[in-house]
Protein backbone atom coordinates (compact mmCIF):
# COMPACT_ATOMS: atom_id res chain seq x y z
CA MET A 1 0.04 0.04 0.31
CA LEU A 2 1.47 3.31 -0.63
CA ARG A 3 0.10 6.67 1.39
CA VAL A 4 -0.29 9.59 -1.01
CA GLY A 5 -0.94 13.36 0.90
CA LEU A 6 -2.52 15.75 -2.33
CA THR A 7 -3.64 18.67 -1.01
CA GLY A 8 -3.42 22.69 -3.04
CA GLY A 9 -5.50 25.83 -2.31
CA THR A 10 -9.30 26.73 -2.63
CA GLY A 11 -9.86 26.16 -6.38
CA ALA A 12 -6.44 25.25 -7.59
CA GLY A 13 -7.65 22.41 -9.74
CA LYS A 14 -7.35 19.72 -6.64
CA THR A 15 -11.25 17.65 -6.88
CA THR A 16 -10.41 17.02 -10.35
CA ALA A 17 -6.83 15.41 -9.89
CA ALA A 18 -8.77 13.50 -6.95
CA GLY A 19 -10.78 13.20 -9.40
CA ARG A 20 -8.72 11.44 -11.99
CA LEU A 21 -7.09 9.59 -9.26
CA ALA A 22 -10.66 7.57 -7.94
CA ALA A 23 -10.69 7.24 -11.65
CA LEU A 24 -7.67 5.47 -12.39
CA GLY A 25 -7.96 2.88 -9.15
CA ALA A 26 -7.13 4.92 -6.22
CA LEU A 27 -8.53 4.90 -2.66
CA VAL A 28 -8.99 8.80 -2.32
CA VAL A 29 -10.04 9.45 1.10
CA ASP A 30 -12.07 13.49 1.18
CA ALA A 31 -11.21 14.82 3.99
CA ASP A 32 -13.99 17.29 3.17
CA ALA A 33 -16.30 14.44 2.59
CA LEU A 34 -15.45 12.88 6.10
CA ALA A 35 -15.61 16.48 7.47
CA ARG A 36 -19.33 16.70 6.77
CA GLU A 37 -20.18 13.20 7.96
CA VAL A 38 -18.52 14.13 11.06
CA VAL A 39 -20.44 16.85 11.87
CA ALA A 40 -24.44 15.67 10.22
CA PRO A 41 -27.48 15.93 11.83
CA GLY A 42 -27.44 13.74 14.98
CA THR A 43 -23.65 13.50 15.34
CA PRO A 44 -21.72 14.43 18.86
CA GLY A 45 -19.35 16.44 16.27
CA LEU A 46 -22.34 18.46 15.22
CA ALA A 47 -23.05 18.77 19.09
CA ALA A 48 -19.36 20.37 19.67
CA VAL A 49 -19.47 22.66 16.95
CA VAL A 50 -22.50 23.92 18.42
CA GLY A 51 -21.75 23.95 22.15
CA GLU A 52 -18.14 25.48 20.91
CA LEU A 53 -19.43 28.36 18.47
CA GLY A 54 -22.99 28.58 19.08
CA HIS A 55 -26.17 28.34 17.43
CA ASP A 56 -25.82 30.37 14.57
CA VAL A 57 -23.77 28.22 12.79
CA LEU A 58 -27.12 25.81 12.20
CA ALA A 59 -29.33 25.58 9.64
CA PRO A 60 -33.41 26.18 10.02
CA ASP A 61 -33.44 22.63 9.29
CA GLY A 62 -30.43 21.97 11.94
CA SER A 63 -28.05 20.48 9.74
CA LEU A 64 -25.25 23.05 9.66
CA ASP A 65 -24.62 26.35 7.67
CA ARG A 66 -22.06 26.22 6.29
CA PRO A 67 -21.63 29.65 4.66
CA ALA A 68 -22.40 31.12 8.20
CA LEU A 69 -19.48 28.71 9.35
CA ALA A 70 -16.87 29.64 6.87
CA ALA A 71 -17.90 33.52 7.07
CA LEU A 72 -17.30 33.22 10.80
CA VAL A 73 -13.84 31.00 11.22
CA PHE A 74 -12.38 32.87 8.38
CA ALA A 75 -12.60 35.98 10.03
CA ASP A 76 -11.25 34.57 12.79
CA PRO A 77 -8.33 32.71 13.20
CA GLY A 78 -8.95 31.54 17.17
CA ARG A 79 -12.84 30.14 16.43
CA ARG A 80 -10.81 28.33 13.28
CA ARG A 81 -8.76 26.37 15.54
CA ALA A 82 -11.30 25.46 17.98
CA LEU A 83 -13.31 24.01 14.63
CA GLU A 84 -10.84 22.62 13.74
CA ALA A 85 -9.28 20.97 17.69
CA ILE A 86 -13.32 19.03 16.88
CA THR A 87 -13.12 18.01 14.04
CA HIS A 88 -9.75 17.08 13.24
CA PRO A 89 -9.57 13.89 15.23
CA LEU A 90 -13.29 12.60 14.09
CA VAL A 91 -12.15 13.14 10.51
CA ARG A 92 -8.62 11.56 11.31
CA GLU A 93 -10.77 8.35 13.05
CA ARG A 94 -13.03 7.92 10.13
CA ARG A 95 -9.79 7.95 7.38
CA ASP A 96 -7.95 5.38 9.50
CA ALA A 97 -11.34 3.01 9.63
CA LEU A 98 -11.43 2.94 5.66
CA VAL A 99 -8.01 2.84 5.11
CA ALA A 100 -7.38 -0.52 7.46
CA ALA A 101 -10.41 -1.87 5.22
CA ALA A 102 -8.54 -0.78 1.88
CA ALA A 103 -6.60 -3.52 -0.05
CA ALA A 104 -3.36 -4.25 0.61
CA ASP A 105 -1.78 -3.12 -3.45
CA ALA A 106 -4.04 0.41 -2.79
CA VAL A 107 -2.88 3.87 -3.32
CA VAL A 108 -5.12 5.69 -1.31
CA VAL A 109 -4.91 9.47 -1.82
CA ASP A 110 -5.82 11.77 1.55
CA ASP A 111 -7.19 14.40 -0.34
CA ILE A 112 -7.04 17.01 2.28
CA PRO A 113 -7.01 21.10 2.03
CA LEU A 114 -4.99 21.77 5.47
CA LEU A 115 -2.25 19.17 4.98
CA VAL A 116 0.26 21.98 4.99
CA GLU A 117 -1.36 24.30 7.39
CA THR A 118 -1.96 21.75 10.13
CA GLY A 119 1.55 20.32 9.65
CA ARG A 120 1.29 17.12 8.73
CA ALA A 121 3.57 16.63 5.36
CA ALA A 122 6.06 14.29 6.68
CA GLN A 123 3.15 11.78 7.83
CA TRP A 124 2.76 10.94 3.90
CA PRO A 125 5.62 9.32 1.87
CA LEU A 126 4.59 11.15 -0.85
CA VAL A 127 3.14 14.93 -1.01
CA VAL A 128 1.53 16.11 -4.42
CA VAL A 129 0.40 19.88 -4.83
CA VAL A 130 -1.84 20.62 -6.76
CA ALA A 131 -1.06 24.81 -7.76
CA ALA A 132 -2.35 27.90 -9.57
CA PRO A 133 -1.32 31.16 -9.52
CA LEU A 134 -3.89 33.53 -6.88
CA GLU A 135 -6.10 35.28 -9.52
CA VAL A 136 -7.16 32.14 -11.04
CA ARG A 137 -8.13 30.91 -8.13
CA VAL A 138 -10.64 33.64 -6.88
CA ARG A 139 -11.34 34.07 -10.48
CA ARG A 140 -12.67 30.27 -10.23
CA LEU A 141 -14.53 30.66 -6.48
CA VAL A 142 -16.61 34.11 -7.81
CA GLU A 143 -17.09 32.29 -11.63
CA THR A 144 -18.01 28.90 -10.59
CA ARG A 145 -19.21 28.50 -7.05
CA GLY A 146 -20.52 31.90 -6.62
CA TRP A 147 -18.42 33.51 -3.61
CA ALA A 148 -18.13 36.42 -2.99
CA GLU A 149 -14.75 38.30 -4.38
CA ALA A 150 -13.70 39.43 -0.82
CA ASP A 151 -14.78 35.77 0.45
CA ALA A 152 -12.57 33.96 -2.25
CA ARG A 153 -9.58 35.97 -0.83
CA ALA A 154 -10.39 35.88 2.65
CA ARG A 155 -10.63 32.14 2.57
CA ALA A 156 -6.96 32.47 0.63
CA ALA A 157 -5.47 34.71 2.88
CA ALA A 158 -6.78 31.91 5.40
CA GLN A 159 -4.71 29.49 3.89
CA ALA A 160 -0.68 28.06 4.00
CA SER A 161 1.00 30.33 1.02
CA ASP A 162 1.77 28.92 -2.58
CA GLY A 163 5.30 29.06 -1.11
CA GLU A 164 4.18 27.02 1.92
CA ARG A 165 3.07 24.26 -0.13
CA LEU A 166 5.78 24.08 -2.34
CA ALA A 167 7.93 23.70 -0.17
CA ALA A 168 5.96 20.57 1.12
CA ALA A 169 5.34 19.28 -2.38
CA ASP A 170 6.85 16.43 -3.63
CA VAL A 171 5.02 16.89 -6.68
CA VAL A 172 3.07 19.72 -7.89
CA LEU A 173 0.63 19.26 -11.05
CA ASP A 174 -0.48 23.09 -12.53
CA GLY A 175 -3.76 23.82 -12.47
CA ALA A 176 -3.58 26.72 -14.06
CA GLY A 177 -5.06 25.15 -16.82
CA ASP A 178 -8.03 23.63 -18.61
CA PRO A 179 -9.35 20.48 -16.41
CA GLN A 180 -7.84 18.03 -19.38
CA ALA A 181 -4.37 19.69 -18.76
CA LEU A 182 -4.76 18.54 -15.13
CA ARG A 183 -5.73 15.45 -15.69
CA THR A 184 -3.01 14.45 -18.46
CA GLN A 185 -0.96 15.42 -15.76
CA VAL A 186 -2.07 12.77 -13.03
CA ASP A 187 -2.06 9.73 -15.59
CA ARG A 188 0.83 10.49 -16.36
CA LEU A 189 1.96 10.46 -12.25
CA TRP A 190 -0.65 7.52 -12.08
CA ARG A 191 1.52 5.59 -14.20
CA GLU A 192 5.18 6.72 -13.98
CA ARG A 193 5.12 6.74 -10.20
CA LEU A 194 2.78 5.92 -7.86
CA LEU A 195 1.75 2.22 -9.75
CA PRO A 196 5.98 1.41 -9.36
CA PHE A 197 6.05 3.25 -6.27
CA GLU A 198 3.70 1.25 -4.84
CA GLU A 199 4.46 -2.02 -6.24
CA HIS A 200 8.34 -1.25 -4.56
CA LEU A 201 7.03 -0.68 -0.95
CA ARG A 202 4.53 -3.23 -1.02
CA HIS A 203 7.70 -5.61 -2.11
CA GLY A 204 10.49 -4.64 -0.54
CA GLU A 205 12.64 -3.57 -3.02
CA ARG A 206 14.69 -0.48 -4.24
CA ALA A 207 13.58 1.11 -7.30
CA ALA A 208 15.87 0.92 -10.01
CA ARG A 209 19.10 3.50 -10.29
CA PRO A 210 22.25 3.76 -12.31
CA ALA A 211 24.43 0.72 -12.06
CA ARG A 212 27.39 3.06 -12.39
CA ALA A 213 28.41 6.65 -11.00
CA GLU A 214 26.47 9.04 -12.84
CA LEU A 215 27.19 12.82 -11.93
CA VAL A 216 25.15 15.91 -12.46
CA PRO A 217 25.58 19.65 -11.85
CA PRO A 218 24.34 20.77 -8.83
CA ASP A 219 20.48 21.15 -8.38
CA PRO A 220 19.70 23.89 -5.43
CA THR A 221 16.35 21.93 -4.82
CA TRP A 222 18.01 19.01 -3.12
CA PRO A 223 18.51 20.61 0.64
CA ALA A 224 14.90 21.48 0.30
CA GLN A 225 14.15 17.66 -0.96
CA ALA A 226 16.00 16.29 1.71
CA ALA A 227 14.44 18.20 4.79
CA ARG A 228 10.80 16.33 3.55
CA VAL A 229 12.66 12.97 3.86
CA VAL A 230 14.70 14.10 6.90
CA ALA A 231 11.28 14.91 8.08
CA ARG A 232 9.49 12.08 7.65
CA VAL A 233 12.68 9.76 8.90
CA ARG A 234 12.79 11.87 11.62
CA ARG A 235 9.16 11.10 12.08
CA ALA A 236 8.94 6.95 11.50
CA ALA A 237 12.34 6.61 13.89
CA GLY A 238 10.92 8.68 16.89
CA ARG A 239 13.60 9.00 19.60
CA ARG A 240 15.25 6.16 18.29
CA ALA A 241 17.20 8.27 16.47
CA LEU A 242 19.67 10.80 18.14
CA SER A 243 20.02 12.92 14.98
CA VAL A 244 18.82 12.63 11.27
CA GLU A 245 20.62 14.87 8.83
CA HIS A 246 21.24 15.34 5.14
CA VAL A 247 25.27 13.70 4.38
CA GLY A 248 27.11 13.46 1.16
CA SER A 249 28.12 15.31 -1.72
CA THR A 250 24.08 16.35 -2.34
CA ALA A 251 24.78 18.54 1.27
CA VAL A 252 27.29 20.29 -0.22
CA PRO A 253 25.85 23.68 -2.09
CA GLY A 254 27.65 23.67 -5.20
CA LEU A 255 28.99 20.36 -5.83
CA PRO A 256 28.20 17.52 -8.43
CA ALA A 257 26.91 14.26 -7.81
CA LYS A 258 25.33 11.25 -8.40
CA ASP A 259 21.69 12.59 -7.85
CA VAL A 260 20.78 10.25 -4.64
CA LEU A 261 20.21 12.50 -1.70
CA ASP A 262 22.16 10.49 1.42
CA LEU A 263 20.64 10.82 4.87
CA GLN A 264 22.49 9.60 8.33
CA VAL A 265 20.28 8.53 11.49
CA VAL A 266 22.39 8.02 14.71
CA THR A 267 21.52 5.74 16.92
CA ALA A 268 23.06 4.23 20.75
CA ASP A 269 24.03 1.03 19.04
CA LEU A 270 23.74 -1.04 15.99
CA ALA A 271 21.06 -3.01 17.16
CA THR A 272 18.04 -0.31 17.21
CA ALA A 273 20.26 1.25 13.74
CA GLN A 274 18.74 -2.44 12.40
CA GLU A 275 15.55 -1.99 13.64
CA VAL A 276 15.38 1.43 12.89
CA ALA A 277 16.10 0.30 8.88
CA GLY A 278 13.27 -1.81 8.60
CA ASP A 279 10.79 0.73 10.74
CA LEU A 280 11.19 3.35 7.24
CA ARG A 281 8.05 1.85 5.38
CA ASP A 282 5.53 5.09 6.44
CA ALA A 283 9.02 7.32 4.97
CA GLY A 284 8.81 5.57 1.77
CA LEU A 285 12.14 3.34 2.13
CA VAL A 286 12.99 -0.20 2.03
CA GLN A 287 15.66 -1.86 4.14
CA PRO A 288 16.69 -4.35 0.64
CA PRO A 289 18.03 -8.19 2.07
CA GLY A 290 21.14 -9.03 3.64
CA GLU A 291 24.09 -7.78 5.96
CA TRP A 292 24.85 -4.08 5.48
CA GLU A 293 28.05 -2.77 5.97
CA ASP A 294 30.18 0.29 5.85
CA GLU A 295 33.41 0.33 3.49
CA LEU A 296 36.01 2.92 5.91
CA PRO A 297 38.70 4.95 4.40
CA ASP A 298 41.39 2.23 6.24
CA GLY A 299 39.65 -0.44 4.25
CA ARG A 300 38.04 -1.86 7.18
CA THR A 301 34.23 -2.96 7.65
CA GLU A 302 31.47 -1.49 9.66
CA PRO A 303 27.83 -2.69 10.05
CA LYS A 304 25.19 -0.69 9.60
CA GLY A 305 21.49 -0.35 9.11
CA PHE A 306 20.34 0.62 5.52
CA ALA A 307 17.23 1.94 3.81
CA THR A 308 16.55 3.11 0.27
CA ASN A 309 14.07 4.26 -1.92
CA ALA A 310 11.07 2.54 -3.30
CA ASP A 311 10.36 5.83 -5.27
CA PRO A 312 11.11 4.95 -8.88
CA ALA A 313 11.61 9.15 -8.96
CA ARG A 314 13.34 10.18 -5.54
CA ALA A 315 16.88 8.19 -4.98
CA VAL A 316 17.60 7.58 -1.45
CA ASN A 317 20.00 6.11 0.94
CA CYS A 318 19.38 6.32 4.27
CA HIS A 319 22.26 4.93 6.74
CA VAL A 320 21.35 4.22 9.96
CA ARG A 321 24.97 3.72 12.35
CA PRO A 322 25.72 3.64 15.65
CA ALA A 323 27.48 6.71 17.30
CA GLY A 324 30.88 6.95 16.69
CA ARG A 325 34.03 7.21 14.94
CA ARG A 326 32.28 7.00 11.76
CA THR A 327 29.39 9.23 12.16
CA GLU A 328 31.63 11.73 13.43
CA ASP A 329 33.41 11.42 10.27
CA VAL A 330 30.67 11.94 7.72
CA LEU A 331 29.49 15.32 9.34
CA LEU A 332 33.05 15.83 9.82
CA LEU A 333 33.54 15.86 5.29
CA ARG A 334 30.52 17.04 4.58
CA ASP A 335 31.20 20.18 6.96
CA LEU A 336 35.15 20.16 5.25
CA LEU A 337 33.29 20.35 1.67
CA ARG A 338 30.92 22.98 2.92
CA ALA A 339 33.22 25.69 4.50
CA HIS A 340 36.17 25.17 1.72
CA ALA A 341 36.08 26.04 -1.89
CA ASP A 342 39.20 24.38 -2.90
CA GLU A 343 38.67 21.16 -1.02
CA ARG A 344 35.01 21.35 -2.92
CA ASP A 345 36.74 21.75 -5.95
CA ALA A 346 39.34 18.84 -5.62
CA TYR A 347 36.60 16.52 -4.50
CA ALA A 348 34.37 17.64 -7.79
CA GLY A 349 37.60 16.77 -9.83
CA LEU A 350 38.56 13.73 -8.39
CA LYS A 351 34.72 12.83 -8.17
CA ALA A 352 34.59 13.76 -12.24
CA ARG A 353 37.83 11.74 -13.16
CA LEU A 354 36.79 8.53 -11.36
CA ALA A 355 33.43 8.83 -12.87
CA ALA A 356 34.64 9.14 -16.51
CA GLN A 357 36.49 5.54 -16.14
CA PRO A 358 35.69 2.57 -16.78
CA HIS A 359 33.69 0.90 -13.36
CA GLY A 360 32.01 -1.93 -13.27
CA SER A 361 29.63 -0.25 -10.30
CA VAL A 362 28.95 2.31 -8.06
CA ASP A 363 30.59 0.85 -4.77
CA GLU A 364 33.81 0.47 -7.16
CA TYR A 365 33.42 3.85 -7.96
CA ALA A 366 33.33 5.01 -4.21
CA HIS A 367 35.95 2.88 -3.23
CA ARG A 368 38.21 4.39 -5.23
CA LYS A 369 37.75 7.64 -3.73
CA GLY A 370 39.06 6.26 -0.42
CA PRO A 371 42.40 8.04 -0.20
CA TRP A 372 41.74 10.59 -1.01
CA ILE A 373 38.55 10.95 1.69
CA ARG A 374 40.91 9.30 4.23
CA ALA A 375 43.26 12.43 3.47
CA ALA A 376 40.68 15.01 3.15
CA LEU A 377 39.65 14.14 6.84
CA GLU A 378 43.05 14.25 8.39
CA ARG A 379 43.11 18.13 7.21
CA ALA A 380 39.74 18.19 9.09
CA ARG A 381 40.83 17.17 12.14
CA GLY A 382 43.81 18.94 12.00
CA GLU A 383 41.41 22.34 11.19
CA ARG A 384 39.60 21.39 14.09
CA SER A 385 42.53 21.07 16.97
């Protein structure tokens, strides 16, 4: 099973994307629909809302007067938080029951308007955002839903900013055009990413990646991509993780690298490290079979836990290590390369030469970097002492 978070500003096209995902076979859990269900007439949820916000939010027939409620809570952040404190737990309980009944190979899409606002993005291995400019969203709300322009802008202002949503997004779908263009994007996402991601995750297998080292120019979005994975790993590992950090070449601005995010999780001991590595499926990572070891710069080996990506579009190596000299050296090398442009440039040149040479595997390429890394660590220790 793969869980996907879907969100977007009101009027961006999220409903169109959700409908297409449902047509393709996803189990779409609509938070808005569940929010209506848990405050239907006669429910404890409705009674709690009335008790908190007053009878003015009721229609003459005893149901919730949604326009009146919206006008009240979107104009008052305190009342909006009070409403959310009532409805969000009820919605999550109902959602969990639906997911528990889903098939083992399901792609479960949580359609949640306030996914970013509630700070819950790390709960999903993949977050999809449907985006459209503010003026497009306001126009749609006025023309298709009959909202007053002031109400549409107030709703947008009460939600996350475009920047906040994009920071949480692993996938951004362009909802500014016509609905068919958005459906076409959804079809491609389903075919090329969601279905293989689910299959790899269910079978516990890493998504395919190049057998040899293929360097790419530095990507300024690597840190933001890594931050999302770090948050997921930290949530899955809980207190067992002493630290979770973005390490390796993609953590060094300006350094060409393989397009692989390296993370280091530090634990108290090896048994905990191996346990954590096996518990990262909620973060979209799987533990390949076999025993995993680090090859140290001096040629020795050291056991560790290891998890890697099931997502075919985002390669990740998550090294889970007990605290010690090895974990310190990983950070020492990263910070040396960040702090000294001459060291970074020398390492970049070495990587380019080694990647261009014949090599049978990425492991062989990494092994050949050992002497340079060993010398760089000695320089870094000398600088620190």
